[in-house]
């Protein structure tokens, strides 16, 4: 390529850059949409991965359907580290005038092993779940309060169990890692459901043993050892990545959808680019004629304007990609704490 062509193209480019606002905007918007979709999804994916242990509720968990662990299984699980048994079931909640199906979760005093559970109206958690005047305490979600029209302190029935609303559940660290939880939620103590016979044979519930390992064990080896000790019909072991599989698939679908939207925006922007290019070339007919009069060939003129258009394409795409790549940072600055995806799991147990 002749150096003179580059100098002419640069002079033309610098002098007519502002005429290409639409050209740059069309390219930038499309590139921004695609880059923003990828960077935001990746930021969420990294955040979810960092939070996987908290979303699971421990380093590993062992789950059983319609029964609790037998003596041999319980002894093996207890030997792995700190254990917090939980049980999930659906039951009918009854207030004074309203009856509704709810998700009820039973936990022990060690819960949560990781992360933080926040409640309003009671402190500490153990007091909220204790029995008072023949009724067990229940920590309930806001949707429970709304749909059953109750307030803190009101008596309720949870299946066959007499209870009262002890506090409001603000956040549960492993809520997103639980599968099939959509109803209003009530949290009660393991002692309460045991005394009510809700964990007896024949009852419908899912028991989970959350474990914070005392040793850093390879999870593949641990799973093989657990299967060997407890058998194929024993508790199913879940890893942290199992708790976020559904979220990861959702993020992948979201990324695909937003990428398609970005490609559509880029294709639609092609119409604006075509019109802007035609208008620019028509405005440069005088310059093209001058170049012809000085002996420039048709190939030289095409090269000059192709260099300019390619330079504009690179500039527009670079602007869009740069803005798209910084979208998670911008959103975090604007939304603050509510959009902080990349957090590391806390190194110590916190409860409130």
Protein backbone atom coordinates (compact mmCIF):
# COMPACT_ATOMS: atom_id res chain seq x y z
CA UNK A 1 0.00 0.00 0.00
CA UNK A 2 1.28 3.45 -0.93
CA UNK A 3 2.14 5.69 2.08
CA UNK A 4 0.47 8.58 0.28
CA UNK A 5 -2.87 6.76 0.35
CA UNK A 6 -2.62 6.35 4.13
CA UNK A 7 -1.86 10.08 4.57
CA UNK A 8 -4.81 11.08 2.39
CA UNK A 9 -7.11 8.62 4.17
CA UNK A 10 -6.02 9.90 7.57
CA UNK A 11 -6.54 13.54 6.53
CA UNK A 12 -10.02 12.75 5.24
CA UNK A 13 -10.80 10.65 8.32
CA UNK A 14 -9.75 13.35 10.81
CA UNK A 15 -11.67 16.03 8.94
CA UNK A 16 -14.96 14.16 8.62
CA UNK A 17 -15.13 12.16 11.86
CA UNK A 18 -18.12 14.07 13.25
CA UNK A 19 -20.14 13.23 10.13
CA UNK A 20 -20.01 9.59 11.14
CA UNK A 21 -21.94 9.91 14.41
CA UNK A 22 -24.72 7.63 13.16
CA UNK A 23 -22.21 5.15 11.71
CA UNK A 24 -20.33 4.96 15.01
CA UNK A 25 -23.54 4.81 17.06
CA UNK A 26 -24.96 1.90 15.03
CA UNK A 27 -21.77 -0.11 15.37
CA UNK A 28 -21.22 0.84 19.00
CA UNK A 29 -24.73 -0.08 20.14
CA UNK A 30 -24.55 -3.55 18.58
CA UNK A 31 -21.07 -4.24 19.92
CA UNK A 32 -22.05 -2.86 23.32
CA UNK A 33 -25.12 -5.12 23.57
CA UNK A 34 -23.11 -8.26 22.78
CA UNK A 35 -20.18 -7.35 25.05
CA UNK A 36 -22.45 -6.22 27.91
CA UNK A 37 -24.38 -9.49 27.77
CA UNK A 38 -21.19 -11.53 27.98
CA UNK A 39 -19.46 -9.47 30.67
CA UNK A 40 -22.52 -9.14 32.90
CA UNK A 41 -23.36 -12.83 32.63
CA UNK A 42 -19.76 -13.79 33.35
CA UNK A 43 -19.71 -11.50 36.38
CA UNK A 44 -22.85 -13.16 37.72
CA UNK A 45 -21.43 -16.60 36.93
CA UNK A 46 -18.25 -15.85 38.89
CA UNK A 47 -20.32 -14.50 41.77
CA UNK A 48 -22.51 -17.60 41.84
CA UNK A 49 -19.44 -19.85 41.74
CA UNK A 50 -17.84 -17.92 44.61
CA UNK A 51 -21.06 -18.30 46.62
CA UNK A 52 -21.56 -22.01 45.81
CA UNK A 53 -20.63 -23.27 49.29
CA UNK A 54 -22.99 -20.81 50.94
CA UNK A 55 -25.78 -21.66 48.50
CA UNK A 56 -25.31 -25.34 49.33
CA UNK A 57 -25.14 -24.61 53.06
CA UNK A 58 -21.81 -26.35 53.64
CA UNK A 59 -18.84 -28.00 51.99
CA UNK A 60 -21.05 -30.99 51.11
CA UNK A 61 -24.55 -32.16 51.96
CA UNK A 62 -26.24 -35.54 52.18
CA UNK A 63 -29.91 -35.83 51.23
CA UNK A 64 -32.51 -38.50 51.93
CA UNK A 65 -36.15 -38.75 50.87
CA UNK A 66 -38.89 -39.73 53.35
CA UNK A 67 -36.49 -40.79 56.08
CA UNK A 68 -33.68 -39.61 58.30
CA UNK A 69 -30.21 -41.15 58.42
CA UNK A 70 -29.91 -44.42 60.29
CA UNK A 71 -27.35 -44.90 63.06
CA UNK A 72 -24.55 -46.05 60.72
CA UNK A 73 -25.15 -43.25 58.21
CA UNK A 74 -25.42 -40.61 60.94
CA UNK A 75 -22.17 -41.78 62.53
CA UNK A 76 -20.30 -41.63 59.23
CA UNK A 77 -21.62 -38.14 58.40
CA UNK A 78 -20.81 -36.88 61.91
CA UNK A 79 -17.23 -38.10 61.49
CA UNK A 80 -16.69 -35.79 58.52
CA UNK A 81 -16.92 -32.55 60.46
CA UNK A 82 -19.53 -30.15 61.84
CA UNK A 83 -23.04 -31.26 60.88
CA UNK A 84 -26.36 -29.42 60.78
CA UNK A 85 -29.39 -31.64 60.06
CA UNK A 86 -32.38 -30.04 58.34
CA UNK A 87 -35.71 -31.28 57.03
CA UNK A 88 -37.95 -29.80 54.34
CA UNK A 89 -41.64 -30.57 53.94
CA UNK A 90 -44.87 -29.06 52.72
CA UNK A 91 -47.70 -28.62 55.16
CA UNK A 92 -50.91 -26.67 55.66
CA UNK A 93 -50.61 -23.49 57.69
CA UNK A 94 -53.70 -22.23 59.49
CA UNK A 95 -54.23 -18.75 60.86
CA UNK A 96 -57.48 -17.48 62.36
CA UNK A 97 -59.36 -17.40 59.04
CA UNK A 98 -56.93 -18.50 56.31
CA UNK A 99 -55.54 -21.91 55.43
CA UNK A 100 -52.70 -22.24 52.92
CA UNK A 101 -49.98 -24.66 51.88
CA UNK A 102 -46.49 -23.55 52.91
CA UNK A 103 -42.93 -24.82 52.78
CA UNK A 104 -41.72 -25.69 56.29
CA UNK A 105 -38.06 -26.19 57.06
CA UNK A 106 -36.73 -27.60 60.30
CA UNK A 107 -33.23 -26.62 61.41
CA UNK A 108 -31.08 -27.16 64.48
CA UNK A 109 -29.12 -24.69 66.59
CA UNK A 110 -25.98 -25.08 64.42
CA UNK A 111 -27.72 -23.70 61.34
CA UNK A 112 -26.36 -21.97 59.30
CA UNK A 113 -22.92 -23.52 59.04
CA UNK A 114 -21.92 -20.94 56.42
CA UNK A 115 -23.19 -17.48 55.69
CA UNK A 116 -25.69 -15.44 57.65
CA UNK A 117 -29.37 -15.83 58.39
CA UNK A 118 -31.10 -12.54 59.16
CA UNK A 119 -34.34 -12.39 61.14
CA UNK A 120 -36.36 -9.49 62.46
CA UNK A 121 -38.23 -9.55 65.73
CA UNK A 122 -36.12 -12.05 67.66
CA UNK A 123 -32.52 -12.35 68.84
CA UNK A 124 -30.87 -14.79 68.92
CA UNK A 125 -32.23 -17.38 66.49
CA UNK A 126 -32.45 -20.12 69.13
CA UNK A 127 -34.92 -18.07 71.18
CA UNK A 128 -37.14 -17.53 68.13
CA UNK A 129 -37.57 -21.26 67.57
CA UNK A 130 -38.03 -22.22 71.23
CA UNK A 131 -41.30 -23.48 72.70
CA UNK A 132 -43.35 -21.06 74.77
CA UNK A 133 -46.66 -21.76 76.47
CA UNK A 134 -47.09 -24.98 74.54
CA UNK A 135 -46.43 -23.42 71.12
CA UNK A 136 -43.27 -23.69 69.05
CA UNK A 137 -41.70 -20.57 67.61
CA UNK A 138 -41.71 -20.16 63.81
CA UNK A 139 -39.66 -17.72 61.77
CA UNK A 140 -41.68 -16.94 58.64
CA UNK A 141 -41.16 -15.12 55.35
CA UNK A 142 -42.85 -11.86 54.43
CA UNK A 143 -45.07 -13.74 51.96
CA UNK A 144 -46.24 -15.95 54.86
CA UNK A 145 -47.22 -12.89 56.88
CA UNK A 146 -49.03 -11.36 53.91
CA UNK A 147 -50.88 -14.41 52.61
CA UNK A 148 -52.02 -15.70 56.01
CA UNK A 149 -52.69 -12.18 57.31
CA UNK A 150 -50.74 -12.64 60.54
CA UNK A 151 -48.26 -10.58 62.53
CA UNK A 152 -45.37 -11.41 64.82
CA UNK A 153 -46.75 -12.96 67.97
CA UNK A 154 -49.93 -14.38 66.40
CA UNK A 155 -50.76 -18.08 66.99
CA UNK A 156 -50.78 -20.40 63.96
CA UNK A 157 -51.01 -24.10 63.22
CA UNK A 158 -48.45 -25.84 61.01
CA UNK A 159 -50.00 -29.18 60.16
CA UNK A 160 -50.61 -30.85 63.53
CA UNK A 161 -48.16 -28.59 65.32
CA UNK A 162 -49.23 -25.62 67.41
CA UNK A 163 -46.93 -22.67 66.79
CA UNK A 164 -46.73 -18.90 66.85
CA UNK A 165 -45.05 -16.34 64.62
CA UNK A 166 -41.84 -15.53 66.48
CA UNK A 167 -40.01 -13.46 63.89
CA UNK A 168 -39.78 -12.52 60.23
CA UNK A 169 -37.24 -14.26 58.00
CA UNK A 170 -35.33 -11.60 56.06
CA UNK A 171 -32.72 -13.76 54.36
CA UNK A 172 -31.58 -17.36 54.33
CA UNK A 173 -28.01 -17.99 53.08
CA UNK A 174 -28.79 -21.19 51.16
CA UNK A 175 -32.24 -20.21 49.89
CA UNK A 176 -31.26 -20.16 46.21
CA UNK A 177 -29.56 -23.53 46.53
CA UNK A 178 -32.77 -25.26 47.60
CA UNK A 179 -34.79 -26.93 44.87
CA UNK A 180 -38.55 -26.66 44.54
CA UNK A 181 -39.08 -23.94 47.16
CA UNK A 182 -41.73 -21.49 45.96
CA UNK A 183 -44.37 -21.27 48.71
CA UNK A 184 -44.45 -19.01 51.76
CA UNK A 185 -41.78 -20.33 54.10
CA UNK A 186 -41.76 -21.18 57.80
CA UNK A 187 -38.62 -22.09 59.73
CA UNK A 188 -39.01 -24.22 62.86
CA UNK A 189 -36.72 -26.27 65.07
CA UNK A 190 -35.89 -29.93 64.50
CA UNK A 191 -37.14 -30.64 68.02
CA UNK A 192 -40.54 -29.22 67.07
CA UNK A 193 -41.09 -31.46 64.03
CA UNK A 194 -39.76 -34.50 65.87
CA UNK A 195 -42.16 -33.97 68.76
CA UNK A 196 -45.04 -33.55 66.31
CA UNK A 197 -44.17 -36.84 64.58
CA UNK A 198 -43.53 -35.16 61.24
CA UNK A 199 -40.30 -37.15 60.72
CA UNK A 200 -41.87 -40.53 61.47
CA UNK A 201 -41.88 -43.30 58.82
CA UNK A 202 -44.55 -42.67 56.21
CA UNK A 203 -44.35 -38.88 56.41
CA UNK A 204 -43.41 -36.91 53.28
CA UNK A 205 -40.25 -34.89 53.83
CA UNK A 206 -36.69 -34.50 52.60
CA UNK A 207 -33.90 -34.60 55.16
CA UNK A 208 -30.57 -32.95 54.46
CA UNK A 209 -27.36 -33.10 56.48
CA UNK A 210 -25.18 -30.04 55.87
CA UNK A 211 -21.50 -30.69 56.56
CA UNK A 212 -18.58 -28.35 57.06
CA UNK A 213 -15.61 -30.66 56.57
CA UNK A 214 -12.97 -30.78 59.26
CA UNK A 215 -10.35 -31.76 56.65
CA UNK A 216 -9.78 -30.61 53.09
CA UNK A 217 -10.79 -33.83 51.33
CA UNK A 218 -10.99 -34.38 47.54
CA UNK A 219 -14.73 -34.51 46.86
CA UNK A 220 -14.45 -37.32 44.30
CA UNK A 221 -12.74 -39.54 46.86
CA UNK A 222 -15.22 -38.50 49.54
CA UNK A 223 -18.18 -39.38 47.33
CA UNK A 224 -16.72 -42.80 46.52
CA UNK A 225 -16.00 -43.47 50.19
CA UNK A 226 -19.50 -42.36 51.22
CA UNK A 227 -21.08 -44.65 48.64
CA UNK A 228 -18.93 -47.54 49.82
CA UNK A 229 -19.83 -47.02 53.49
CA UNK A 230 -23.53 -46.10 53.11
CA UNK A 231 -24.36 -48.03 49.94
CA UNK A 232 -26.14 -47.05 46.75
CA UNK A 233 -29.42 -46.62 48.63
CA UNK A 234 -27.85 -44.31 51.20
CA UNK A 235 -27.87 -40.52 51.28
CA UNK A 236 -27.11 -38.71 48.03
CA UNK A 237 -24.10 -36.44 48.32
CA UNK A 238 -24.28 -32.96 46.83
CA UNK A 239 -21.32 -30.73 46.09
CA UNK A 240 -21.24 -26.91 45.98
CA UNK A 241 -21.43 -26.94 42.18
CA UNK A 242 -24.63 -28.99 42.39
CA UNK A 243 -26.30 -26.15 44.28
CA UNK A 244 -25.71 -23.68 41.44
CA UNK A 245 -26.36 -25.88 38.40
CA UNK A 246 -29.82 -24.40 37.87
CA UNK A 247 -28.54 -20.85 38.23
CA UNK A 248 -25.70 -21.51 35.81
CA UNK A 249 -28.14 -22.86 33.21
CA UNK A 250 -30.35 -19.81 33.71
CA UNK A 251 -27.38 -17.50 33.23
CA UNK A 252 -26.38 -19.36 30.06
CA UNK A 253 -29.91 -18.93 28.68
CA UNK A 254 -29.86 -15.25 29.64
CA UNK A 255 -26.51 -14.78 27.92
CA UNK A 256 -27.77 -16.47 24.75
CA UNK A 257 -30.91 -14.33 24.70
CA UNK A 258 -29.04 -11.07 25.24
CA UNK A 259 -26.46 -12.04 22.61
CA UNK A 260 -29.24 -12.62 20.09
CA UNK A 261 -30.66 -9.20 20.98
CA UNK A 262 -27.21 -7.70 20.45
CA UNK A 263 -26.80 -9.38 17.06
CA UNK A 264 -30.27 -8.14 16.07
CA UNK A 265 -29.29 -4.62 17.09
CA UNK A 266 -26.09 -4.92 15.06
CA UNK A 267 -27.99 -6.16 12.00
CA UNK A 268 -30.57 -3.38 12.34
CA UNK A 269 -27.73 -0.91 12.73
CA UNK A 270 -26.39 -2.10 9.39
CA UNK A 271 -29.18 -0.14 7.69
CA UNK A 272 -28.03 3.03 9.40
CA UNK A 273 -24.42 2.23 8.51
CA UNK A 274 -25.36 1.75 4.84
CA UNK A 275 -27.21 5.06 4.70
CA UNK A 276 -24.43 6.91 6.52
CA UNK A 277 -21.81 5.46 4.16
CA UNK A 278 -23.81 6.41 1.06
CA UNK A 279 -24.38 9.94 2.36
CA UNK A 280 -20.67 10.34 3.16
CA UNK A 281 -19.50 9.16 -0.25
CA UNK A 282 -21.98 11.47 -1.98
CA UNK A 283 -20.60 14.38 0.05
CA UNK A 284 -17.06 13.49 -1.09
CA UNK A 285 -17.75 13.53 -4.83
CA UNK A 286 -15.80 16.79 -5.16
CA UNK A 287 -12.79 15.31 -3.33
CA UNK A 288 -12.96 12.17 -5.45
CA UNK A 289 -13.00 14.27 -8.61
CA UNK A 290 -9.98 16.24 -7.38
CA UNK A 291 -8.08 13.02 -6.67
CA UNK A 292 -8.96 11.76 -10.14
CA UNK A 293 -7.64 14.97 -11.69
CA UNK A 294 -4.33 14.45 -9.92
CA UNK A 295 -3.99 10.96 -11.40
CA UNK A 296 -5.45 8.74 -8.68
CA UNK A 297 -6.81 5.49 -10.04
CA UNK A 298 -10.14 3.97 -9.13
CA UNK A 299 -8.34 1.36 -7.01
CA UNK A 300 -6.50 4.11 -5.12
CA UNK A 301 -9.75 5.95 -4.38
CA UNK A 302 -11.45 2.75 -3.23
CA UNK A 303 -8.47 2.02 -0.96
CA UNK A 304 -8.59 5.51 0.58
CA UNK A 305 -12.25 5.28 1.53
CA UNK A 306 -12.04 1.62 2.51
CA UNK A 307 -9.29 2.52 5.00
CA UNK A 308 -11.54 5.21 6.46
CA UNK A 309 -14.55 2.93 6.76
CA UNK A 310 -12.48 0.16 8.31
CA UNK A 311 -10.99 2.62 10.78
CA UNK A 312 -14.47 3.82 11.73
CA UNK A 313 -15.66 0.22 12.12
CA UNK A 314 -12.76 -0.57 14.46
CA UNK A 315 -13.35 2.64 16.43
CA UNK A 316 -17.11 2.03 16.80
CA UNK A 317 -16.63 -1.60 17.80
CA UNK A 318 -13.88 -0.66 20.28
CA UNK A 319 -16.13 1.94 21.93
CA UNK A 320 -19.00 -0.55 22.18
CA UNK A 321 -16.84 -3.40 23.50
CA UNK A 322 -15.15 -1.14 26.06
CA UNK A 323 -18.46 0.11 27.41
CA UNK A 324 -19.87 -3.42 27.39
CA UNK A 325 -16.87 -4.84 29.26
CA UNK A 326 -17.21 -2.18 31.97
CA UNK A 327 -20.98 -2.66 32.35
CA UNK A 328 -20.72 -4.79 35.56
CA UNK A 329 -18.49 -2.14 37.15
CA UNK A 330 -20.87 0.64 36.10
CA UNK A 331 -23.90 -1.25 37.42
CA UNK A 332 -22.13 -1.87 40.71
CA UNK A 333 -21.32 1.83 41.06
CA UNK A 334 -24.93 2.78 40.28
CA UNK A 335 -26.77 0.04 42.18
CA UNK A 336 -24.20 -0.35 44.94
CA UNK A 337 -24.45 -3.30 47.32
CA UNK A 338 -27.49 -4.79 45.57
CA UNK A 339 -25.43 -5.56 42.45
CA UNK A 340 -22.22 -6.80 44.03
CA UNK A 341 -21.78 -10.16 42.28
CA UNK A 342 -18.18 -11.05 43.05
CA UNK A 343 -18.05 -11.78 46.74
CA UNK A 344 -15.95 -14.36 48.44
CA UNK A 345 -17.57 -16.65 51.02
CA UNK A 346 -16.95 -15.45 54.56
CA UNK A 347 -14.16 -17.24 56.37
CA UNK A 348 -16.01 -17.33 59.69
CA UNK A 349 -19.53 -18.23 60.68
CA UNK A 350 -21.84 -15.32 61.29
CA UNK A 351 -25.31 -15.55 62.73
CA UNK A 352 -27.86 -12.94 63.71
